[in-house]
Amino acid sequence: MGSLNFIIDDVLNKMNSLNNKVDRATQLYAESAAKKMEAFMKKKAPWTDRTALTRQGLNARVFRTSSGKEIRLSSPTEQFKYLELANEKGYAIAWPTIQRFKGEVIKGWAEMISRIR
């Protein structure tokens, strides 16, 4: 009867290498997507600037979490939360940005990951 022999260390090393490639590629892709989202927010924010601090402070940053990567949209100003939530969300930009880009980001990430060897 035939047998199949392999060294488990080789398999584990290759899996670890692939995981590292996916992690690096995901980080780079998320950073690229975050830049696009930040530019969109700054251009399309629906409010009239008074000091321009909130618009200038709009940012999208990538964070590592226990479940993977996360793109967070924010602004350091106090009025940002009011613009996002008050007036029936009429001045919101973070949620509309997420809605606009979520499909594009997920699809682009999946395409990129499928090409990793």
C-alpha atoms as a PDB file:
ATOM      1  CA  MET A   1       0.000   0.000   0.000  1.00  0.00           C
ATOM      2  CA  GLY A   2       1.322   3.451  -0.888  1.00  0.00           C
ATOM      3  CA  SER A   3       1.910   6.229   1.583  1.00  0.00           C
ATOM      4  CA  LEU A   4       2.109   9.971   1.523  1.00  0.00           C
ATOM      5  CA  ASN A   5       4.818  11.616   3.565  1.00  0.00           C
ATOM      6  CA  PHE A   6       5.375  15.301   4.117  1.00  0.00           C
ATOM      7  CA  ILE A   7       7.121  17.435   6.651  1.00  0.00           C
ATOM      8  CA  ILE A   8       4.611  19.440   8.641  1.00  0.00           C
ATOM      9  CA  ASP A   9       7.157  22.208   9.253  1.00  0.00           C
ATOM     10  CA  ASP A  10       7.198  22.993   5.530  1.00  0.00           C
ATOM     11  CA  VAL A  11       3.423  23.264   5.427  1.00  0.00           C
ATOM     12  CA  LEU A  12       3.335  25.482   8.522  1.00  0.00           C
ATOM     13  CA  ASN A  13       6.110  27.721   7.183  1.00  0.00           C
ATOM     14  CA  LYS A  14       4.283  28.190   3.884  1.00  0.00           C
ATOM     15  CA  MET A  15       1.011  28.936   5.693  1.00  0.00           C
ATOM     16  CA  ASN A  16       2.779  31.455   7.920  1.00  0.00           C
ATOM     17  CA  SER A  17       4.373  33.087   4.880  1.00  0.00           C
ATOM     18  CA  LEU A  18       0.983  33.353   3.171  1.00  0.00           C
ATOM     19  CA  ASN A  19      -0.584  34.847   6.314  1.00  0.00           C
ATOM     20  CA  ASN A  20       2.176  37.467   6.445  1.00  0.00           C
ATOM     21  CA  LYS A  21       1.641  38.362   2.776  1.00  0.00           C
ATOM     22  CA  VAL A  22      -2.117  38.703   3.311  1.00  0.00           C
ATOM     23  CA  ASP A  23      -1.581  40.868   6.385  1.00  0.00           C
ATOM     24  CA  ARG A  24       0.850  43.217   4.594  1.00  0.00           C
ATOM     25  CA  ALA A  25      -1.332  43.415   1.497  1.00  0.00           C
ATOM     26  CA  THR A  26      -4.423  44.111   3.609  1.00  0.00           C
ATOM     27  CA  GLN A  27      -2.622  46.898   5.477  1.00  0.00           C
ATOM     28  CA  LEU A  28      -1.484  48.553   2.233  1.00  0.00           C
ATOM     29  CA  TYR A  29      -4.903  48.193   0.628  1.00  0.00           C
ATOM     30  CA  ALA A  30      -6.659  49.591   3.710  1.00  0.00           C
ATOM     31  CA  GLU A  31      -4.288  52.582   3.799  1.00  0.00           C
ATOM     32  CA  SER A  32      -4.969  53.282   0.122  1.00  0.00           C
ATOM     33  CA  ALA A  33      -8.735  52.997   0.638  1.00  0.00           C
ATOM     34  CA  ALA A  34      -8.537  55.243   3.710  1.00  0.00           C
ATOM     35  CA  LYS A  35      -6.808  57.973   1.668  1.00  0.00           C
ATOM     36  CA  LYS A  36      -9.571  57.834  -0.945  1.00  0.00           C
ATOM     37  CA  MET A  37     -12.256  57.961   1.748  1.00  0.00           C
ATOM     38  CA  GLU A  38     -10.601  60.900   3.504  1.00  0.00           C
ATOM     39  CA  ALA A  39     -10.341  62.874   0.260  1.00  0.00           C
ATOM     40  CA  PHE A  40     -14.000  62.134  -0.495  1.00  0.00           C
ATOM     41  CA  MET A  41     -15.107  63.336   2.961  1.00  0.00           C
ATOM     42  CA  LYS A  42     -13.140  66.572   2.684  1.00  0.00           C
ATOM     43  CA  LYS A  43     -14.532  67.306  -0.768  1.00  0.00           C
ATOM     44  CA  LYS A  44     -18.146  66.252  -0.183  1.00  0.00           C
ATOM     45  CA  ALA A  45     -18.807  67.364   3.420  1.00  0.00           C
ATOM     46  CA  PRO A  46     -22.276  68.983   3.141  1.00  0.00           C
ATOM     47  CA  TRP A  47     -21.867  71.771   5.673  1.00  0.00           C
ATOM     48  CA  THR A  48     -20.777  75.375   5.236  1.00  0.00           C
ATOM     49  CA  ASP A  49     -17.413  75.937   6.870  1.00  0.00           C
ATOM     50  CA  ARG A  50     -17.128  78.527   9.623  1.00  0.00           C
ATOM     51  CA  THR A  51     -13.522  77.931  10.630  1.00  0.00           C
ATOM     52  CA  ALA A  52     -12.699  75.015   8.270  1.00  0.00           C
ATOM     53  CA  LEU A  53     -11.175  73.142  11.222  1.00  0.00           C
ATOM     54  CA  THR A  54     -13.627  70.254  11.059  1.00  0.00           C
ATOM     55  CA  ARG A  55     -13.184  69.754   7.315  1.00  0.00           C
ATOM     56  CA  GLN A  56      -9.394  70.020   7.577  1.00  0.00           C
ATOM     57  CA  GLY A  57      -9.415  67.587  10.496  1.00  0.00           C
ATOM     58  CA  LEU A  58     -11.438  64.900   8.706  1.00  0.00           C
ATOM     59  CA  ASN A  59      -9.349  61.764   8.578  1.00  0.00           C
ATOM     60  CA  ALA A  60      -9.477  58.071   7.829  1.00  0.00           C
ATOM     61  CA  ARG A  61      -6.989  55.868   9.643  1.00  0.00           C
ATOM     62  CA  VAL A  62      -6.264  52.156   9.625  1.00  0.00           C
ATOM     63  CA  PHE A  63      -6.095  50.273  12.920  1.00  0.00           C
ATOM     64  CA  ARG A  64      -5.232  46.682  13.755  1.00  0.00           C
ATOM     65  CA  THR A  65      -7.952  45.000  15.810  1.00  0.00           C
ATOM     66  CA  SER A  66      -8.289  41.525  17.261  1.00  0.00           C
ATOM     67  CA  SER A  67     -10.348  40.538  14.208  1.00  0.00           C
ATOM     68  CA  GLY A  68      -8.236  42.206  11.491  1.00  0.00           C
ATOM     69  CA  LYS A  69      -7.977  45.736  10.115  1.00  0.00           C
ATOM     70  CA  GLU A  70     -10.392  48.612  10.607  1.00  0.00           C
ATOM     71  CA  ILE A  71     -10.699  51.957   8.811  1.00  0.00           C
ATOM     72  CA  ARG A  72     -11.933  54.636  11.205  1.00  0.00           C
ATOM     73  CA  LEU A  73     -13.347  57.948   9.991  1.00  0.00           C
ATOM     74  CA  SER A  74     -13.185  60.905  12.368  1.00  0.00           C
ATOM     75  CA  SER A  75     -12.364  64.542  13.006  1.00  0.00           C
ATOM     76  CA  PRO A  76     -10.749  65.942  16.151  1.00  0.00           C
ATOM     77  CA  THR A  77     -13.213  68.804  16.584  1.00  0.00           C
ATOM     78  CA  GLU A  78     -16.092  68.853  19.080  1.00  0.00           C
ATOM     79  CA  GLN A  79     -18.634  69.908  16.465  1.00  0.00           C
ATOM     80  CA  PHE A  80     -17.997  66.847  14.290  1.00  0.00           C
ATOM     81  CA  LYS A  81     -20.265  64.632  16.378  1.00  0.00           C
ATOM     82  CA  TYR A  82     -23.061  67.208  16.121  1.00  0.00           C
ATOM     83  CA  LEU A  83     -22.629  67.503  12.380  1.00  0.00           C
ATOM     84  CA  GLU A  84     -22.832  63.704  12.134  1.00  0.00           C
ATOM     85  CA  LEU A  85     -25.808  63.146  14.430  1.00  0.00           C
ATOM     86  CA  ALA A  86     -27.871  66.327  14.827  1.00  0.00           C
ATOM     87  CA  ASN A  87     -30.337  67.911  12.393  1.00  0.00           C
ATOM     88  CA  GLU A  88     -31.615  64.488  11.317  1.00  0.00           C
ATOM     89  CA  LYS A  89     -28.059  63.672  10.171  1.00  0.00           C
ATOM     90  CA  GLY A  90     -28.392  66.286   7.448  1.00  0.00           C
ATOM     91  CA  TYR A  91     -24.722  67.240   7.715  1.00  0.00           C
ATOM     92  CA  ALA A  92     -23.318  63.740   8.133  1.00  0.00           C
ATOM     93  CA  ILE A  93     -20.347  62.723   6.014  1.00  0.00           C
ATOM     94  CA  ALA A  94     -18.807  59.694   7.780  1.00  0.00           C
ATOM     95  CA  TRP A  95     -21.750  57.320   7.339  1.00  0.00           C
ATOM     96  CA  PRO A  96     -22.432  58.378   3.723  1.00  0.00           C
ATOM     97  CA  THR A  97     -18.733  57.805   3.008  1.00  0.00           C
ATOM     98  CA  ILE A  98     -18.891  54.305   4.488  1.00  0.00           C
ATOM     99  CA  GLN A  99     -22.013  53.549   2.441  1.00  0.00           C
ATOM    100  CA  ARG A 100     -20.361  54.888  -0.717  1.00  0.00           C
ATOM    101  CA  PHE A 101     -17.099  52.933  -0.374  1.00  0.00           C
ATOM    102  CA  LYS A 102     -17.948  49.703   1.478  1.00  0.00           C
ATOM    103  CA  GLY A 103     -18.707  47.611  -1.609  1.00  0.00           C
ATOM    104  CA  GLU A 104     -15.750  48.986  -3.548  1.00  0.00           C
ATOM    105  CA  VAL A 105     -13.335  48.366  -0.669  1.00  0.00           C
ATOM    106  CA  ILE A 106     -14.506  44.817   0.005  1.00  0.00           C
ATOM    107  CA  LYS A 107     -14.529  43.884  -3.686  1.00  0.00           C
ATOM    108  CA  GLY A 108     -11.095  45.413  -4.307  1.00  0.00           C
ATOM    109  CA  TRP A 109      -9.633  43.719  -1.241  1.00  0.00           C
ATOM    110  CA  ALA A 110     -11.039  40.326  -2.284  1.00  0.00           C
ATOM    111  CA  GLU A 111      -9.593  40.715  -5.798  1.00  0.00           C
ATOM    112  CA  MET A 112      -6.203  41.659  -4.371  1.00  0.00           C
ATOM    113  CA  ILE A 113      -6.170  38.741  -1.918  1.00  0.00           C
ATOM    114  CA  SER A 114      -7.114  36.277  -4.648  1.00  0.00           C
ATOM    115  CA  ARG A 115      -3.909  37.181  -6.535  1.00  0.00           C
ATOM    116  CA  ILE A 116      -1.567  36.461  -3.628  1.00  0.00           C
ATOM    117  CA  ARG A 117       0.520  33.330  -4.107  1.00  0.00           C
END
